[in-house]
Protein backbone atom coordinates (compact mmCIF):
# COMPACT_ATOMS: atom_id res chain seq x y z
CA UNK A 1 10.31 -35.95 43.05
CA UNK A 2 6.53 -35.77 43.09
CA UNK A 3 4.72 -37.95 40.58
CA UNK A 4 2.08 -36.39 38.25
CA UNK A 5 3.32 -32.79 38.43
CA UNK A 6 6.06 -32.87 35.76
CA UNK A 7 4.44 -30.81 32.96
CA UNK A 8 1.44 -28.82 31.82
CA UNK A 9 -2.05 -30.03 31.15
CA UNK A 10 -3.55 -29.74 27.71
CA UNK A 11 -5.96 -27.10 29.00
CA UNK A 12 -3.12 -24.89 30.27
CA UNK A 13 -1.31 -25.12 26.94
CA UNK A 14 -4.49 -24.20 25.03
CA UNK A 15 -5.15 -21.20 27.27
CA UNK A 16 -1.62 -19.90 26.65
CA UNK A 17 -2.02 -20.39 22.87
CA UNK A 18 -5.35 -18.50 22.87
CA UNK A 19 -3.78 -15.60 24.79
CA UNK A 20 -0.83 -15.46 22.37
CA UNK A 21 -3.23 -15.55 19.41
CA UNK A 22 -5.25 -12.64 20.78
CA UNK A 23 -2.08 -10.62 21.43
CA UNK A 24 -0.87 -11.32 17.88
CA UNK A 25 -4.21 -10.28 16.40
CA UNK A 26 -4.11 -7.02 18.36
CA UNK A 27 -0.60 -6.28 17.15
CA UNK A 28 -1.56 -7.02 13.53
CA UNK A 29 -4.54 -4.66 13.79
CA UNK A 30 -2.30 -1.85 15.04
CA UNK A 31 0.30 -2.37 12.30
CA UNK A 32 -1.36 -0.25 9.54
CA UNK A 33 -1.62 2.76 11.86
CA UNK A 34 2.00 2.37 12.88
CA UNK A 35 3.07 2.13 9.24
CA UNK A 36 1.23 5.31 8.23
CA UNK A 37 2.84 7.07 11.20
CA UNK A 38 6.25 5.93 9.97
CA UNK A 39 5.46 7.14 6.44
CA UNK A 40 4.35 10.49 7.85
CA UNK A 41 7.58 10.93 9.80
CA UNK A 42 9.70 9.96 6.79
CA UNK A 43 7.79 12.39 4.57
CA UNK A 44 8.19 15.14 7.17
CA UNK A 45 11.93 14.50 7.35
CA UNK A 46 12.24 14.61 3.56
CA UNK A 47 10.28 17.87 3.36
CA UNK A 48 12.42 19.31 6.16
CA UNK A 49 15.58 18.41 4.23
CA UNK A 50 14.17 20.01 1.08
CA UNK A 51 13.40 23.23 2.97
CA UNK A 52 16.78 23.29 4.72
CA UNK A 53 18.58 22.71 1.40
CA UNK A 54 16.58 25.52 -0.21
CA UNK A 55 17.56 27.93 2.56
CA UNK A 56 21.19 26.87 2.34
CA UNK A 57 21.20 27.30 -1.47
CA UNK A 58 19.65 30.76 -1.11
CA UNK A 59 22.28 31.88 1.40
CA UNK A 60 25.30 30.40 -0.38
CA UNK A 61 24.17 31.66 -3.79
CA UNK A 62 22.85 35.00 -2.48
CA UNK A 63 19.72 34.44 -4.56
CA UNK A 64 16.02 33.70 -4.29
CA UNK A 65 15.04 30.04 -4.03
CA UNK A 66 11.35 29.34 -4.63
CA UNK A 67 9.43 26.31 -3.37
CA UNK A 68 5.94 25.52 -4.63
CA UNK A 69 3.47 22.69 -4.82
CA UNK A 70 2.65 21.57 -8.34
CA UNK A 71 -0.83 21.28 -9.83
CA UNK A 72 -1.32 17.69 -8.61
CA UNK A 73 -0.71 18.71 -5.00
CA UNK A 74 1.57 15.74 -4.56
CA UNK A 75 4.96 17.31 -5.29
CA UNK A 76 7.06 19.96 -3.59
CA UNK A 77 9.86 21.28 -5.74
CA UNK A 78 12.22 24.18 -5.80
CA UNK A 79 13.38 26.13 -8.83
CA UNK A 80 16.77 24.40 -8.83
CA UNK A 81 15.08 21.22 -10.02
CA UNK A 82 15.16 19.24 -6.79
CA UNK A 83 11.84 17.76 -5.81
CA UNK A 84 10.06 15.45 -3.40
CA UNK A 85 7.19 13.17 -4.28
CA UNK A 86 5.53 11.66 -1.20
CA UNK A 87 4.50 8.00 -1.10
CA UNK A 88 0.86 7.02 -1.75
CA UNK A 89 -1.42 8.01 1.11
CA UNK A 90 0.62 11.10 2.02
CA UNK A 91 -0.59 14.51 0.89
CA UNK A 92 1.24 17.82 1.01
CA UNK A 93 -0.20 21.30 1.42
CA UNK A 94 1.75 24.52 1.14
CA UNK A 95 0.63 27.85 2.52
CA UNK A 96 2.87 30.82 1.99
CA UNK A 97 2.53 34.00 0.00
CA UNK A 98 0.30 34.10 -3.05
CA UNK A 99 2.35 33.79 -6.22
CA UNK A 100 2.88 37.02 -8.07
CA UNK A 101 4.27 37.78 -11.50
CA UNK A 102 7.95 37.12 -11.91
CA UNK A 103 8.26 34.30 -9.37
CA UNK A 104 7.49 31.27 -11.48
CA UNK A 105 6.35 29.78 -14.77
CA UNK A 106 3.31 31.42 -16.26
CA UNK A 107 0.05 29.66 -15.54
CA UNK A 108 1.29 28.06 -12.34
CA UNK A 109 -0.57 29.85 -9.57
CA UNK A 110 -0.79 29.07 -5.91
CA UNK A 111 1.07 29.61 -2.68
CA UNK A 112 4.85 29.69 -2.76
CA UNK A 113 7.57 29.88 -0.19
CA UNK A 114 10.64 31.96 -1.02
CA UNK A 115 14.01 31.86 0.73
CA UNK A 116 16.06 35.04 0.32
CA UNK A 117 19.82 35.39 0.01
CA UNK A 118 20.17 36.79 3.54
CA UNK A 119 18.64 33.64 5.09
CA UNK A 120 15.20 35.09 5.70
CA UNK A 121 12.07 33.90 3.93
CA UNK A 122 8.54 34.90 3.07
CA UNK A 123 7.33 32.51 5.76
CA UNK A 124 4.76 29.78 5.51
CA UNK A 125 4.21 26.15 6.27
CA UNK A 126 4.10 22.76 4.62
CA UNK A 127 1.39 20.44 5.97
CA UNK A 128 2.04 16.71 5.57
CA UNK A 129 -1.02 14.49 6.11
CA UNK A 130 -1.62 10.75 6.24
CA UNK A 131 -5.26 10.03 7.00
CA UNK A 132 -6.07 11.83 10.24
CA UNK A 133 -2.42 12.26 11.29
CA UNK A 134 -0.57 15.38 10.29
CA UNK A 135 2.76 17.09 10.69
CA UNK A 136 3.53 20.73 9.95
CA UNK A 137 6.87 22.22 8.93
CA UNK A 138 6.79 25.96 9.66
CA UNK A 139 9.21 28.41 8.11
CA UNK A 140 9.67 31.66 10.03
CA UNK A 141 9.73 34.73 7.81
CA UNK A 142 12.39 36.75 9.59
CA UNK A 143 15.01 34.10 10.25
CA UNK A 144 14.08 31.37 7.76
CA UNK A 145 14.19 28.90 10.68
CA UNK A 146 12.29 25.66 10.08
CA UNK A 147 10.28 24.19 12.98
CA UNK A 148 8.30 20.97 13.35
CA UNK A 149 4.79 20.94 14.81
CA UNK A 150 3.06 17.55 15.14
């Protein structure tokens, strides 16, 4: 056994603590961006489920199912009463066909997305944004298929 070499010096311990502190500060700074990315993915999944349910309801009921964004721009709902309200910091945009008479309540204009009883749709997309990050759920007009574009 060699005397004087059984441990670390105070300087070595301080250097390790400084390095750990810097790594922790870097991780804490990245946390808000990670959280908004998580919120964006969760919102995209919820919107995807809403779209898939609308298509399924249209096919099983052999009827039109309409999805629109309300006047606040924060809510996607379908005419069956189901809706999705995103968390704070997440915004939704809907681009589809322009609403025409007979598709919705009077005075509620804007783009809508319609699923038809045969599984097809009018086509369009829902854009989910959190700051500079965005995710797009596209609905194909012919097949009604829903794709994700990030």
